[in-house]
N, C-alpha and C. Protein backbone atom coordinates (compact mmCIF):
# COMPACT_ATOMS: atom_id res chain seq x y z
N MET A 1 6.45 -4.24 3.08
CA MET A 1 7.05 -4.25 4.38
C MET A 1 5.93 -4.08 5.42
N ARG A 2 6.07 -4.77 6.55
CA ARG A 2 5.11 -4.63 7.64
C ARG A 2 5.61 -3.58 8.62
N LEU A 3 4.69 -2.70 9.03
CA LEU A 3 4.99 -1.68 10.02
C LEU A 3 4.06 -1.85 11.21
N TYR A 4 4.53 -1.42 12.38
CA TYR A 4 3.78 -1.58 13.63
C TYR A 4 3.63 -0.23 14.31
N HIS A 5 2.53 -0.12 15.07
CA HIS A 5 2.28 1.07 15.88
C HIS A 5 1.83 0.61 17.25
N GLY A 6 2.57 1.00 18.29
CA GLY A 6 2.20 0.65 19.66
C GLY A 6 1.41 1.76 20.31
N SER A 7 0.27 1.40 20.93
CA SER A 7 -0.60 2.40 21.51
C SER A 7 -1.45 1.77 22.61
N TYR A 8 -2.47 2.49 23.05
CA TYR A 8 -3.42 1.96 24.02
C TYR A 8 -4.73 1.57 23.35
N LEU A 9 -4.80 1.76 22.02
CA LEU A 9 -5.99 1.38 21.29
C LEU A 9 -5.64 0.94 19.88
N GLU A 10 -6.55 0.21 19.29
CA GLU A 10 -6.39 -0.25 17.92
C GLU A 10 -6.63 0.94 16.99
N ILE A 11 -5.78 1.08 15.98
CA ILE A 11 -5.93 2.19 15.04
C ILE A 11 -6.08 1.63 13.63
N LYS A 12 -7.33 1.54 13.19
CA LYS A 12 -7.62 1.00 11.86
C LYS A 12 -7.41 2.03 10.77
N SER A 13 -7.72 3.29 11.08
CA SER A 13 -7.61 4.36 10.09
C SER A 13 -6.74 5.48 10.66
N PRO A 14 -5.43 5.38 10.50
CA PRO A 14 -4.54 6.41 11.04
C PRO A 14 -4.83 7.78 10.44
N ASP A 15 -4.72 8.79 11.27
CA ASP A 15 -4.86 10.15 10.80
C ASP A 15 -3.88 11.03 11.59
N LEU A 16 -3.85 12.29 11.25
CA LEU A 16 -2.95 13.22 11.93
C LEU A 16 -3.66 14.03 13.01
N LEU A 17 -4.97 13.93 13.09
CA LEU A 17 -5.75 14.70 14.05
C LEU A 17 -5.40 14.36 15.50
N HIS A 18 -4.99 13.13 15.74
CA HIS A 18 -4.71 12.67 17.10
C HIS A 18 -3.21 12.64 17.41
N SER A 19 -2.42 13.27 16.58
CA SER A 19 -0.97 13.26 16.74
C SER A 19 -0.53 14.36 17.69
N ARG A 20 0.60 14.12 18.33
CA ARG A 20 1.19 15.12 19.22
C ARG A 20 2.19 15.97 18.44
N LYS A 21 2.29 17.22 18.83
CA LYS A 21 3.30 18.12 18.25
C LYS A 21 4.56 18.01 19.08
N ASN A 22 5.62 18.59 18.56
CA ASN A 22 6.88 18.74 19.30
C ASN A 22 7.48 17.41 19.74
N VAL A 23 7.43 16.42 18.86
CA VAL A 23 8.11 15.15 19.09
C VAL A 23 9.19 14.98 18.02
N ASP A 24 9.90 13.87 18.03
CA ASP A 24 11.10 13.67 17.21
C ASP A 24 11.01 14.22 15.79
N PHE A 25 10.04 13.76 15.03
CA PHE A 25 9.93 14.17 13.63
C PHE A 25 8.71 15.04 13.38
N GLY A 26 8.20 15.65 14.42
CA GLY A 26 7.07 16.54 14.31
C GLY A 26 5.75 15.81 14.32
N LEU A 27 4.70 16.54 14.04
CA LEU A 27 3.35 16.00 14.00
C LEU A 27 3.28 14.89 12.97
N GLY A 28 2.77 13.74 13.36
CA GLY A 28 2.67 12.64 12.42
C GLY A 28 2.21 11.35 13.08
N PHE A 29 2.03 10.35 12.27
CA PHE A 29 1.67 9.01 12.74
C PHE A 29 2.94 8.18 12.70
N TYR A 30 3.39 7.72 13.87
CA TYR A 30 4.67 7.04 14.01
C TYR A 30 4.52 5.53 13.96
N THR A 31 5.38 4.91 13.17
CA THR A 31 5.39 3.45 13.04
C THR A 31 6.85 2.98 13.08
N THR A 32 7.00 1.66 13.13
CA THR A 32 8.33 1.06 13.07
C THR A 32 8.23 -0.30 12.40
N PRO A 33 9.27 -0.72 11.69
CA PRO A 33 9.29 -2.09 11.16
C PRO A 33 9.76 -3.09 12.23
N LEU A 34 10.12 -2.60 13.41
CA LEU A 34 10.65 -3.44 14.48
C LEU A 34 9.54 -3.77 15.48
N TYR A 35 9.08 -5.02 15.46
CA TYR A 35 7.98 -5.44 16.32
C TYR A 35 8.27 -5.14 17.78
N GLU A 36 9.46 -5.50 18.26
CA GLU A 36 9.80 -5.30 19.68
C GLU A 36 9.77 -3.82 20.07
N GLN A 37 10.11 -2.96 19.16
CA GLN A 37 10.06 -1.53 19.45
C GLN A 37 8.61 -1.09 19.66
N ALA A 38 7.70 -1.59 18.83
CA ALA A 38 6.28 -1.27 18.98
C ALA A 38 5.75 -1.83 20.30
N VAL A 39 6.20 -3.03 20.67
CA VAL A 39 5.80 -3.62 21.94
C VAL A 39 6.25 -2.72 23.10
N ASN A 40 7.47 -2.23 23.02
CA ASN A 40 7.97 -1.32 24.07
C ASN A 40 7.12 -0.06 24.17
N TRP A 41 6.72 0.49 23.02
CA TRP A 41 5.86 1.67 23.03
C TRP A 41 4.52 1.33 23.70
N ALA A 42 3.93 0.20 23.32
CA ALA A 42 2.63 -0.20 23.87
C ALA A 42 2.72 -0.50 25.37
N ARG A 43 3.83 -1.04 25.81
CA ARG A 43 4.00 -1.36 27.24
C ARG A 43 3.97 -0.12 28.11
N LYS A 44 4.33 1.02 27.57
CA LYS A 44 4.26 2.26 28.35
C LYS A 44 2.82 2.53 28.78
N PHE A 45 1.87 2.19 27.92
CA PHE A 45 0.46 2.39 28.26
C PHE A 45 0.01 1.38 29.30
N LYS A 46 0.51 0.17 29.20
CA LYS A 46 0.17 -0.86 30.19
C LYS A 46 0.68 -0.47 31.57
N ARG A 47 1.87 0.09 31.63
CA ARG A 47 2.45 0.50 32.92
C ARG A 47 1.60 1.59 33.58
N ASN A 48 0.91 2.36 32.77
CA ASN A 48 0.07 3.43 33.30
C ASN A 48 -1.37 2.96 33.54
N GLY A 49 -1.57 1.64 33.53
CA GLY A 49 -2.88 1.09 33.82
C GLY A 49 -3.79 0.91 32.62
N GLY A 50 -3.30 1.21 31.44
CA GLY A 50 -4.13 1.08 30.24
C GLY A 50 -3.86 -0.23 29.52
N SER A 51 -4.37 -0.30 28.32
CA SER A 51 -4.13 -1.46 27.46
C SER A 51 -2.92 -1.19 26.59
N GLY A 52 -2.28 -2.26 26.17
CA GLY A 52 -1.20 -2.15 25.21
C GLY A 52 -1.62 -2.88 23.95
N ILE A 53 -1.70 -2.14 22.85
CA ILE A 53 -2.19 -2.72 21.59
C ILE A 53 -1.21 -2.40 20.47
N ILE A 54 -0.89 -3.42 19.71
CA ILE A 54 -0.05 -3.26 18.52
C ILE A 54 -0.96 -3.34 17.30
N SER A 55 -1.00 -2.27 16.52
CA SER A 55 -1.69 -2.30 15.24
C SER A 55 -0.62 -2.52 14.18
N TYR A 56 -0.95 -3.31 13.15
CA TYR A 56 0.05 -3.53 12.11
C TYR A 56 -0.53 -3.25 10.74
N TYR A 57 0.39 -2.87 9.86
CA TYR A 57 0.03 -2.33 8.55
C TYR A 57 0.95 -2.87 7.48
N ARG A 58 0.47 -2.89 6.27
CA ARG A 58 1.28 -3.17 5.10
C ARG A 58 1.68 -1.82 4.53
N PHE A 59 2.99 -1.63 4.36
CA PHE A 59 3.54 -0.38 3.83
C PHE A 59 3.95 -0.63 2.40
N ASP A 60 3.37 0.11 1.48
CA ASP A 60 3.67 -0.04 0.05
C ASP A 60 4.82 0.90 -0.32
N GLU A 61 6.03 0.34 -0.36
CA GLU A 61 7.21 1.15 -0.66
C GLU A 61 7.26 1.61 -2.11
N LYS A 62 6.44 1.02 -2.96
CA LYS A 62 6.45 1.40 -4.37
C LYS A 62 5.96 2.83 -4.60
N VAL A 63 5.28 3.40 -3.62
CA VAL A 63 4.75 4.76 -3.80
C VAL A 63 5.70 5.83 -3.25
N LEU A 64 6.85 5.42 -2.75
CA LEU A 64 7.77 6.40 -2.18
C LEU A 64 8.16 7.49 -3.17
N HIS A 65 8.24 7.15 -4.43
CA HIS A 65 8.62 8.14 -5.43
C HIS A 65 7.56 9.24 -5.58
N LYS A 66 6.34 9.01 -5.08
CA LYS A 66 5.27 10.00 -5.14
C LYS A 66 5.25 10.91 -3.91
N LEU A 67 6.13 10.61 -2.95
CA LEU A 67 6.14 11.34 -1.69
C LEU A 67 7.46 12.08 -1.49
N LYS A 68 7.41 13.13 -0.72
CA LYS A 68 8.62 13.85 -0.34
C LYS A 68 9.13 13.20 0.95
N VAL A 69 10.29 12.54 0.85
CA VAL A 69 10.81 11.71 1.94
C VAL A 69 12.15 12.26 2.44
N LEU A 70 12.30 12.28 3.75
CA LEU A 70 13.57 12.61 4.38
C LEU A 70 14.00 11.37 5.15
N LYS A 71 15.23 10.89 4.87
CA LYS A 71 15.71 9.68 5.52
C LYS A 71 17.06 9.94 6.17
N PHE A 72 17.16 9.54 7.44
CA PHE A 72 18.42 9.62 8.18
C PHE A 72 18.92 8.20 8.38
N ASP A 73 20.08 7.88 7.82
CA ASP A 73 20.64 6.54 7.96
C ASP A 73 21.39 6.35 9.27
N THR A 74 21.84 7.45 9.86
CA THR A 74 22.59 7.40 11.13
C THR A 74 22.22 8.62 11.96
N TYR A 75 22.64 8.58 13.22
CA TYR A 75 22.57 9.80 14.02
C TYR A 75 23.64 10.73 13.47
N SER A 76 23.24 11.95 13.15
CA SER A 76 24.15 12.89 12.49
C SER A 76 23.80 14.31 12.93
N ASP A 77 24.63 15.26 12.50
CA ASP A 77 24.32 16.67 12.77
C ASP A 77 22.95 17.03 12.22
N GLU A 78 22.67 16.57 11.00
CA GLU A 78 21.39 16.89 10.36
C GLU A 78 20.22 16.28 11.14
N TRP A 79 20.38 15.02 11.58
CA TRP A 79 19.34 14.36 12.37
C TRP A 79 19.10 15.14 13.66
N LEU A 80 20.18 15.51 14.35
CA LEU A 80 20.06 16.23 15.61
C LEU A 80 19.37 17.58 15.40
N ASP A 81 19.78 18.32 14.37
CA ASP A 81 19.15 19.61 14.09
C ASP A 81 17.66 19.45 13.80
N PHE A 82 17.32 18.42 13.02
CA PHE A 82 15.92 18.20 12.67
C PHE A 82 15.09 17.88 13.92
N ILE A 83 15.62 16.97 14.77
CA ILE A 83 14.92 16.60 16.01
C ILE A 83 14.72 17.84 16.89
N LEU A 84 15.76 18.63 17.05
CA LEU A 84 15.67 19.81 17.91
C LEU A 84 14.64 20.81 17.38
N ASN A 85 14.63 21.01 16.07
CA ASN A 85 13.64 21.92 15.48
C ASN A 85 12.22 21.40 15.69
N CYS A 86 12.03 20.10 15.49
CA CYS A 86 10.70 19.52 15.65
C CYS A 86 10.25 19.61 17.11
N ARG A 87 11.13 19.25 18.02
CA ARG A 87 10.77 19.27 19.45
C ARG A 87 10.52 20.69 19.96
N ALA A 88 11.17 21.66 19.34
CA ALA A 88 10.97 23.05 19.73
C ALA A 88 9.78 23.69 19.01
N GLY A 89 9.12 22.93 18.13
CA GLY A 89 7.99 23.47 17.38
C GLY A 89 8.39 24.42 16.29
N LYS A 90 9.65 24.32 15.82
CA LYS A 90 10.17 25.25 14.81
C LYS A 90 10.30 24.63 13.42
N ASP A 91 9.86 23.40 13.25
CA ASP A 91 10.00 22.75 11.95
C ASP A 91 8.99 23.32 10.96
N VAL A 92 9.47 23.73 9.82
CA VAL A 92 8.59 24.26 8.78
C VAL A 92 8.73 23.47 7.48
N SER A 93 9.36 22.31 7.55
CA SER A 93 9.55 21.49 6.35
C SER A 93 8.22 20.86 5.93
N ASP A 94 8.19 20.41 4.69
CA ASP A 94 6.95 19.86 4.15
C ASP A 94 7.11 18.39 3.72
N TYR A 95 7.87 17.63 4.47
CA TYR A 95 8.06 16.21 4.15
C TYR A 95 6.78 15.43 4.41
N ASP A 96 6.50 14.49 3.51
CA ASP A 96 5.37 13.58 3.71
C ASP A 96 5.75 12.47 4.67
N LEU A 97 7.01 12.06 4.61
CA LEU A 97 7.49 10.91 5.37
C LEU A 97 8.89 11.21 5.87
N VAL A 98 9.16 10.89 7.15
CA VAL A 98 10.50 11.02 7.70
C VAL A 98 10.88 9.68 8.31
N ILE A 99 12.06 9.20 7.95
CA ILE A 99 12.55 7.90 8.40
C ILE A 99 13.88 8.10 9.10
N GLY A 100 14.00 7.51 10.29
CA GLY A 100 15.28 7.63 10.98
C GLY A 100 15.24 7.09 12.39
N GLY A 101 16.32 7.32 13.10
CA GLY A 101 16.48 6.80 14.45
C GLY A 101 15.55 7.43 15.46
N VAL A 102 15.23 6.63 16.46
CA VAL A 102 14.38 7.06 17.55
C VAL A 102 15.23 7.72 18.63
N ALA A 103 14.71 8.76 19.21
CA ALA A 103 15.37 9.36 20.37
C ALA A 103 14.86 8.63 21.62
N ASN A 104 15.43 7.43 21.88
CA ASN A 104 15.04 6.67 23.06
C ASN A 104 15.62 7.35 24.31
N ASP A 105 15.46 6.73 25.48
CA ASP A 105 15.86 7.38 26.72
C ASP A 105 17.32 7.81 26.74
N LYS A 106 18.24 6.91 26.34
CA LYS A 106 19.66 7.26 26.35
C LYS A 106 19.96 8.37 25.33
N VAL A 107 19.36 8.25 24.16
CA VAL A 107 19.56 9.26 23.13
C VAL A 107 18.93 10.58 23.58
N PHE A 108 17.74 10.50 24.17
CA PHE A 108 17.05 11.70 24.64
C PHE A 108 17.90 12.44 25.67
N ASN A 109 18.54 11.70 26.58
CA ASN A 109 19.38 12.35 27.60
C ASN A 109 20.51 13.15 26.94
N THR A 110 21.12 12.58 25.91
CA THR A 110 22.18 13.29 25.19
C THR A 110 21.62 14.53 24.50
N ILE A 111 20.45 14.40 23.90
CA ILE A 111 19.82 15.54 23.23
C ILE A 111 19.52 16.64 24.24
N GLU A 112 19.02 16.26 25.40
CA GLU A 112 18.71 17.25 26.44
C GLU A 112 19.97 17.99 26.90
N LEU A 113 21.08 17.24 27.08
CA LEU A 113 22.34 17.88 27.48
C LEU A 113 22.76 18.91 26.43
N PHE A 114 22.63 18.56 25.15
CA PHE A 114 22.98 19.49 24.07
C PHE A 114 22.01 20.66 24.07
N PHE A 115 20.71 20.37 24.15
CA PHE A 115 19.68 21.40 24.12
C PHE A 115 19.88 22.41 25.25
N ASP A 116 20.31 21.93 26.41
CA ASP A 116 20.52 22.80 27.57
C ASP A 116 21.88 23.49 27.56
N GLY A 117 22.69 23.24 26.51
CA GLY A 117 23.99 23.89 26.39
C GLY A 117 25.08 23.30 27.27
N LEU A 118 24.86 22.09 27.79
CA LEU A 118 25.84 21.47 28.68
C LEU A 118 26.92 20.69 27.91
N ILE A 119 26.61 20.31 26.67
CA ILE A 119 27.61 19.72 25.78
C ILE A 119 27.42 20.35 24.41
N ASP A 120 28.48 20.33 23.59
CA ASP A 120 28.35 20.89 22.24
C ASP A 120 27.90 19.81 21.26
N LYS A 121 27.64 20.22 20.04
CA LYS A 121 27.13 19.30 19.03
C LYS A 121 28.10 18.16 18.75
N LYS A 122 29.39 18.48 18.69
CA LYS A 122 30.41 17.45 18.43
C LYS A 122 30.36 16.37 19.51
N GLU A 123 30.26 16.79 20.77
CA GLU A 123 30.18 15.83 21.88
C GLU A 123 28.89 15.01 21.79
N ALA A 124 27.78 15.65 21.46
CA ALA A 124 26.50 14.95 21.35
C ALA A 124 26.56 13.87 20.28
N ILE A 125 27.03 14.23 19.10
CA ILE A 125 27.13 13.26 18.00
C ILE A 125 28.13 12.17 18.36
N GLY A 126 29.22 12.52 19.03
CA GLY A 126 30.19 11.53 19.47
C GLY A 126 29.58 10.50 20.39
N ARG A 127 28.72 10.94 21.30
CA ARG A 127 28.04 10.00 22.19
C ARG A 127 27.03 9.14 21.45
N LEU A 128 26.33 9.75 20.50
CA LEU A 128 25.27 9.03 19.78
C LEU A 128 25.81 7.98 18.82
N LYS A 129 27.04 8.13 18.37
CA LYS A 129 27.57 7.16 17.40
C LYS A 129 27.68 5.77 17.99
N TYR A 130 27.67 5.66 19.32
CA TYR A 130 27.74 4.36 19.97
C TYR A 130 26.37 3.73 20.19
N GLU A 131 25.32 4.48 19.92
CA GLU A 131 23.96 3.97 20.10
C GLU A 131 23.47 3.35 18.79
N LYS A 132 22.91 2.17 18.89
CA LYS A 132 22.33 1.54 17.71
C LYS A 132 20.94 2.14 17.50
N PRO A 133 20.72 2.82 16.38
CA PRO A 133 19.42 3.46 16.19
C PRO A 133 18.29 2.44 16.02
N ASN A 134 17.22 2.64 16.78
CA ASN A 134 15.97 1.98 16.44
C ASN A 134 15.43 2.75 15.26
N LEU A 135 14.38 2.26 14.66
CA LEU A 135 13.90 2.91 13.45
C LEU A 135 12.46 3.32 13.61
N GLN A 136 12.18 4.56 13.26
CA GLN A 136 10.80 5.02 13.22
C GLN A 136 10.53 5.61 11.85
N ILE A 137 9.30 5.43 11.43
CA ILE A 137 8.82 6.00 10.17
C ILE A 137 7.63 6.86 10.51
N CYS A 138 7.76 8.15 10.28
CA CYS A 138 6.72 9.11 10.62
C CYS A 138 5.99 9.56 9.36
N PHE A 139 4.70 9.28 9.33
CA PHE A 139 3.83 9.73 8.24
C PHE A 139 3.31 11.11 8.63
N ARG A 140 3.79 12.14 7.92
CA ARG A 140 3.50 13.52 8.32
C ARG A 140 2.38 14.16 7.53
N THR A 141 1.87 13.46 6.52
CA THR A 141 0.73 13.99 5.76
C THR A 141 -0.31 12.88 5.58
N GLN A 142 -1.54 13.31 5.45
CA GLN A 142 -2.61 12.34 5.22
C GLN A 142 -2.39 11.65 3.87
N LYS A 143 -1.84 12.39 2.92
CA LYS A 143 -1.51 11.82 1.61
C LYS A 143 -0.60 10.60 1.77
N ALA A 144 0.43 10.73 2.60
CA ALA A 144 1.36 9.61 2.81
C ALA A 144 0.64 8.42 3.43
N LEU A 145 -0.23 8.68 4.39
CA LEU A 145 -0.99 7.59 5.02
C LEU A 145 -1.91 6.91 4.01
N ASP A 146 -2.63 7.71 3.24
CA ASP A 146 -3.60 7.17 2.29
C ASP A 146 -2.94 6.41 1.14
N TYR A 147 -1.80 6.89 0.67
CA TYR A 147 -1.10 6.28 -0.46
C TYR A 147 -0.41 4.97 -0.11
N SER A 148 0.08 4.86 1.11
CA SER A 148 1.06 3.80 1.34
C SER A 148 0.80 2.87 2.53
N LEU A 149 -0.22 3.13 3.34
CA LEU A 149 -0.40 2.33 4.56
C LEU A 149 -1.76 1.64 4.54
N LEU A 150 -1.74 0.32 4.70
CA LEU A 150 -2.98 -0.47 4.69
C LEU A 150 -3.08 -1.25 6.01
N TYR A 151 -4.14 -1.02 6.76
CA TYR A 151 -4.35 -1.70 8.03
C TYR A 151 -4.54 -3.19 7.79
N GLU A 152 -3.86 -4.01 8.62
CA GLU A 152 -3.98 -5.47 8.49
C GLU A 152 -4.55 -6.13 9.74
N GLY A 153 -4.39 -5.50 10.91
CA GLY A 153 -4.90 -6.11 12.13
C GLY A 153 -4.25 -5.54 13.36
N SER A 154 -4.57 -6.16 14.51
CA SER A 154 -3.99 -5.70 15.78
C SER A 154 -3.94 -6.85 16.77
N GLU A 155 -3.22 -6.63 17.85
CA GLU A 155 -3.16 -7.59 18.93
C GLU A 155 -2.97 -6.85 20.25
N THR A 156 -3.50 -7.43 21.31
CA THR A 156 -3.33 -6.88 22.64
C THR A 156 -2.15 -7.58 23.28
N ILE A 157 -1.29 -6.81 23.93
CA ILE A 157 -0.13 -7.43 24.59
C ILE A 157 -0.30 -7.40 26.10
């Protein structure tokens, strides 16, 4: 499977040293199998006066059995709890790879309303069920990156 990463620079050798904490699935290297989603990520850098670059990789799914993987097929209570823990810096799980929906702007707004206590979890999940999840794959350990991701190239958008 081909995965994409949108950024302001080409990333030939992904690592965790340059990752941000307190994001959707915690510290990690974020990719997507959806080219347009990566383009949208890269365009954020272009809007801020930088470059927009898509790096692409070959993902070897055959090694998944060697990794500890958490996968969310839909927006759910478990997905919401995991996102909130990660964003609050409270995640202590040891997953190598986390796969699931992106908290895009509309989803993020719902999460913020829940986080601020303005809506309950049932209302939050009810709103999210109408959103089509984009997909992100977060490599949370160097082992996961080294075992399963091979750089293939990049392009400037």
